[in-house]
Amino acid sequence: MNNEVLKAIADRRSIRAYTGRPVNDEELGALISAATQAPSAVNRQPYHFTFVRDKAVLDEFCQAWRNVSRQLNPDNPPSEDFNVFRGAPCVCFIFCDPLNSWSLVDSGIAVENLALAAHSMGLGSVILGMPKMLFEAAGEAWLQKLDCPAGMRFSVAIGIGTPAAGKDAHPVREGLVTVKG
């Protein structure tokens, strides 16, 4: 089947190396549009998106994350140069309403919209759960620093930028699908 959406789904990869080129304003606008157009249960839109292109903020987050990781995992600490965002020049933090039972699913839909939109624009992305460790350890500090609305919590992040390298698709594990009828 020749379908652009199915091709984008099949071709998109998690990118873990980026060039230094920043995500420009036009690209950022398209990404914001893709995120905010994501469907949500009963159209409640129980999320908030904070896009960060400020390298100093991303670097500060990475250092704080490494410090917390070392405290929580002293037997397997990250290296001093480990970048939780894999060097992506733009990171979107998605926060959600913990009182909405569908907000994590809705956040997952939005992050996939972002990943596919980035791919369609020639950008790469990596969906990230690891930042959660810092949000849990730091309490409200990083939520406030990233303008998370009161009462919301971190759900997922995505790093976006120009890929420095591609990668092959992972093999699909056997037994993932059952079809009846």
Protein backbone atom coordinates (compact mmCIF):
# COMPACT_ATOMS: atom_id res chain seq x y z
CA MET A 1 0.00 0.00 0.00
CA ASN A 2 1.37 3.41 -0.99
CA ASN A 3 0.37 5.71 1.88
CA GLU A 4 2.43 8.60 3.29
CA VAL A 5 1.25 8.14 6.86
CA LEU A 6 1.98 4.40 6.90
CA LYS A 7 5.37 5.08 5.33
CA ALA A 8 6.17 7.67 8.04
CA ILE A 9 5.17 5.19 10.75
CA ALA A 10 7.37 2.49 9.21
CA ASP A 11 10.36 4.81 8.59
CA ARG A 12 10.46 6.81 11.85
CA ARG A 13 13.27 5.87 14.23
CA SER A 14 14.35 6.91 17.73
CA ILE A 15 17.30 9.20 17.05
CA ARG A 16 20.00 9.46 19.70
CA ALA A 17 22.48 11.77 17.96
CA TYR A 18 21.77 15.25 16.59
CA THR A 19 23.60 17.93 14.66
CA GLY A 20 23.92 21.29 16.36
CA ARG A 21 21.29 22.94 14.14
CA PRO A 22 18.50 24.44 16.24
CA VAL A 23 14.83 23.81 15.53
CA ASN A 24 13.70 27.02 13.83
CA ASP A 25 10.52 29.01 14.51
CA GLU A 26 8.66 27.62 11.50
CA GLU A 27 9.45 24.04 12.53
CA LEU A 28 8.51 24.81 16.12
CA GLY A 29 5.16 26.20 14.97
CA ALA A 30 4.44 23.02 13.01
CA LEU A 31 5.38 20.88 16.00
CA ILE A 32 3.13 22.90 18.31
CA SER A 33 0.30 22.48 15.84
CA ALA A 34 0.85 18.70 15.69
CA ALA A 35 0.90 18.42 19.49
CA THR A 36 -2.20 20.52 20.09
CA GLN A 37 -4.17 18.73 17.37
CA ALA A 38 -3.75 15.35 19.07
CA PRO A 39 -7.05 13.70 19.95
CA SER A 40 -7.92 13.20 23.60
CA ALA A 41 -10.67 11.37 25.47
CA VAL A 42 -13.86 13.46 25.40
CA ASN A 43 -11.66 16.25 23.96
CA ARG A 44 -10.59 17.17 27.50
CA GLN A 45 -7.03 17.97 26.36
CA PRO A 46 -5.63 17.09 29.81
CA TYR A 47 -2.07 18.10 28.99
CA HIS A 48 0.30 21.00 28.73
CA PHE A 49 3.29 21.25 26.39
CA THR A 50 6.48 23.10 27.29
CA PHE A 51 8.93 23.36 24.39
CA VAL A 52 12.50 24.19 25.42
CA ARG A 53 15.15 25.35 22.95
CA ASP A 54 17.28 27.15 25.54
CA LYS A 55 20.52 25.14 25.71
CA ALA A 56 21.35 26.46 29.17
CA VAL A 57 18.04 25.15 30.56
CA LEU A 58 18.51 21.77 28.86
CA ASP A 59 22.09 21.52 30.14
CA GLU A 60 21.00 22.43 33.68
CA PHE A 61 18.27 19.77 33.53
CA CYS A 62 20.77 17.16 32.32
CA GLN A 63 23.19 17.96 35.15
CA ALA A 64 20.43 17.80 37.75
CA TRP A 65 19.21 14.52 36.25
CA ARG A 66 22.74 13.04 36.39
CA ASN A 67 23.07 14.08 40.03
CA VAL A 68 19.77 12.42 40.97
CA SER A 69 20.60 9.34 38.92
CA ARG A 70 23.92 8.96 40.76
CA GLN A 71 22.13 9.16 44.12
CA LEU A 72 19.45 6.64 43.13
CA ASN A 73 21.73 4.28 41.17
CA PRO A 74 25.18 4.49 42.78
CA ASP A 75 26.18 1.12 41.29
CA ASN A 76 25.40 2.25 37.75
CA PRO A 77 25.92 6.04 37.59
CA PRO A 78 25.67 7.94 34.29
CA SER A 79 28.88 9.35 32.84
CA GLU A 80 29.57 13.06 33.36
CA ASP A 81 28.78 13.78 29.71
CA PHE A 82 25.57 11.68 29.47
CA ASN A 83 22.76 13.76 28.01
CA VAL A 84 19.32 12.48 28.95
CA PHE A 85 17.95 14.26 25.83
CA ARG A 86 20.63 12.66 23.63
CA GLY A 87 21.75 16.13 22.54
CA ALA A 88 18.43 17.13 20.95
CA PRO A 89 18.31 20.94 20.57
CA CYS A 90 14.57 21.06 21.28
CA VAL A 91 12.73 19.14 23.97
CA CYS A 92 8.99 19.08 24.52
CA PHE A 93 7.94 18.21 28.04
CA ILE A 94 4.37 16.95 28.23
CA PHE A 95 2.61 17.42 31.54
CA CYS A 96 -0.77 15.90 32.32
CA ASP A 97 -3.63 16.11 34.77
CA PRO A 98 -3.15 13.22 37.23
CA LEU A 99 -6.86 13.34 38.13
CA ASN A 100 -7.88 12.55 34.54
CA SER A 101 -7.80 8.76 34.12
CA TRP A 102 -7.00 9.05 30.40
CA SER A 103 -4.32 11.73 30.56
CA LEU A 104 -1.35 9.34 30.19
CA VAL A 105 -2.95 7.74 27.13
CA ASP A 106 -3.72 11.18 25.71
CA SER A 107 -0.11 12.28 26.37
CA GLY A 108 1.10 9.18 24.53
CA ILE A 109 -1.03 10.06 21.53
CA ALA A 110 0.31 13.62 21.54
CA VAL A 111 3.96 12.49 21.77
CA GLU A 112 3.44 10.15 18.82
CA ASN A 113 1.92 13.06 16.85
CA LEU A 114 5.10 14.99 17.61
CA ALA A 115 7.37 12.10 16.59
CA LEU A 116 5.58 11.61 13.27
CA ALA A 117 5.39 15.35 12.58
CA ALA A 118 9.12 15.71 13.25
CA HIS A 119 9.88 12.79 10.93
CA SER A 120 7.68 14.25 8.19
CA MET A 121 9.71 17.50 8.37
CA GLY A 122 13.06 15.71 8.06
CA LEU A 123 13.75 16.00 11.78
CA GLY A 124 14.48 13.18 14.16
CA SER A 125 13.09 12.50 17.60
CA VAL A 126 13.44 10.32 20.65
CA ILE A 127 10.61 9.75 23.10
CA LEU A 128 11.88 9.99 26.68
CA GLY A 129 10.60 8.64 29.97
CA MET A 130 13.88 9.02 31.90
CA PRO A 131 13.30 12.69 32.83
CA LYS A 132 10.57 11.45 35.18
CA MET A 133 13.24 10.51 37.72
CA LEU A 134 14.22 14.16 38.20
CA PHE A 135 10.63 15.39 38.44
CA GLU A 136 9.91 12.80 41.13
CA ALA A 137 13.09 13.64 43.08
CA ALA A 138 12.97 17.44 42.74
CA GLY A 139 9.37 17.94 43.76
CA GLU A 140 7.90 21.15 42.40
CA ALA A 141 11.18 22.88 41.47
CA TRP A 142 11.51 21.64 37.90
CA LEU A 143 7.75 21.68 37.33
CA GLN A 144 7.81 25.40 38.14
CA LYS A 145 10.99 26.03 36.15
CA LEU A 146 9.29 24.58 33.05
CA ASP A 147 6.00 26.44 33.58
CA CYS A 148 3.98 23.34 34.35
CA PRO A 149 0.47 24.44 35.33
CA ALA A 150 -0.47 23.89 38.98
CA GLY A 151 -1.71 20.39 39.71
CA MET A 152 -0.21 18.81 36.60
CA ARG A 153 2.59 16.26 36.57
CA PHE A 154 5.23 15.10 34.07
CA SER A 155 4.09 12.35 31.74
CA VAL A 156 6.64 12.10 28.87
CA ALA A 157 9.15 14.15 26.91
CA ILE A 158 10.44 14.09 23.36
CA GLY A 159 13.76 15.35 22.05
CA ILE A 160 13.67 16.77 18.51
CA GLY A 161 16.36 17.93 16.11
CA THR A 162 18.24 17.26 12.90
CA PRO A 163 19.55 13.69 12.98
CA ALA A 164 23.33 13.28 12.94
CA ALA A 165 22.90 9.65 11.86
CA GLY A 166 20.16 7.25 10.91
CA LYS A 167 19.55 3.76 12.19
CA ASP A 168 18.00 0.52 11.08
CA ALA A 169 14.58 -0.64 12.20
CA HIS A 170 14.37 -2.97 15.16
CA PRO A 171 13.05 -6.45 14.35
CA VAL A 172 9.42 -6.96 15.29
CA ARG A 173 9.03 -9.56 18.01
CA GLU A 174 6.97 -12.64 17.16
CA GLY A 175 3.59 -13.09 18.80
CA LEU A 176 2.59 -9.44 19.12
CA VAL A 177 -0.65 -9.78 17.18
CA THR A 178 -3.71 -11.98 17.33
CA VAL A 179 -6.41 -11.68 14.67
CA LYS A 180 -9.83 -13.27 15.20
CA GLY A 181 -12.33 -13.33 12.40
